[in-house]
Amino acid sequence: MMKTPTQDLIYPQQQELLKPIIEKAKSTISTVAKEGGYTYVFDSSPGTPLLYKPD
């Protein structure tokens, strides 16, 4: 499936709008994982499977 010119225009805007939401979600996941003593937090949906790993 080929991208359309409209998709090429929308994708960067979509990424820019989603960035603060994604960062807040990652921060919240990290905080909850640390407070809960979790070693790892995995995402079961397709994409990035590992959401948290202690430093």
Protein backbone atom coordinates (compact mmCIF):
# COMPACT_ATOMS: atom_id res chain seq x y z
CA MET A 1 0.00 0.00 0.00
CA MET A 2 1.47 3.33 -1.05
CA LYS A 3 1.30 6.49 1.00
CA THR A 4 -0.68 9.36 -0.39
CA PRO A 5 0.61 12.94 -0.38
CA THR A 6 -2.01 13.74 2.25
CA GLN A 7 -0.63 11.02 4.53
CA ASP A 8 2.85 12.48 4.08
CA LEU A 9 1.53 15.83 5.30
CA ILE A 10 -0.52 14.47 8.19
CA TYR A 11 2.02 12.05 9.69
CA PRO A 12 4.52 14.68 10.97
CA GLN A 13 1.69 16.71 12.49
CA GLN A 14 0.25 13.59 14.09
CA GLN A 15 3.63 12.71 15.60
CA GLU A 16 4.09 16.25 16.93
CA LEU A 17 0.64 16.24 18.57
CA LEU A 18 1.08 12.77 20.07
CA LYS A 19 4.58 13.37 21.44
CA PRO A 20 3.57 15.05 24.74
CA ILE A 21 0.89 12.42 25.35
CA ILE A 22 3.32 9.56 24.75
CA GLU A 23 5.96 11.17 26.98
CA LYS A 24 3.44 11.62 29.80
CA ALA A 25 2.31 7.99 29.45
CA LYS A 26 5.93 6.75 29.54
CA SER A 27 6.64 8.85 32.62
CA THR A 28 3.55 7.55 34.39
CA ILE A 29 4.39 3.93 33.51
CA SER A 30 7.91 4.42 34.85
CA THR A 31 6.66 5.98 38.09
CA VAL A 32 4.09 3.24 38.72
CA ALA A 33 6.63 0.52 37.87
CA LYS A 34 9.20 1.94 40.31
CA GLU A 35 6.64 2.39 43.09
CA GLY A 36 5.28 -1.11 42.50
CA GLY A 37 8.73 -2.70 42.44
CA TYR A 38 8.28 -4.09 38.95
CA THR A 39 11.35 -5.39 37.15
CA TYR A 40 9.89 -5.03 33.66
CA VAL A 41 6.66 -3.71 32.12
CA PHE A 42 5.69 -5.15 28.74
CA ASP A 43 3.19 -3.88 26.18
CA SER A 44 1.15 -6.74 24.71
CA SER A 45 0.12 -4.76 21.62
CA PRO A 46 2.20 -4.79 18.41
CA GLY A 47 5.10 -2.37 18.37
CA THR A 48 7.52 -1.64 21.18
CA PRO A 49 7.07 -4.52 23.64
CA LEU A 50 9.24 -3.27 26.54
CA LEU A 51 7.89 -0.17 28.26
CA TYR A 52 9.97 -0.14 31.44
CA LYS A 53 13.26 -1.59 32.62
CA PRO A 54 15.04 -0.30 35.71
CA ASP A 55 18.30 1.58 35.14
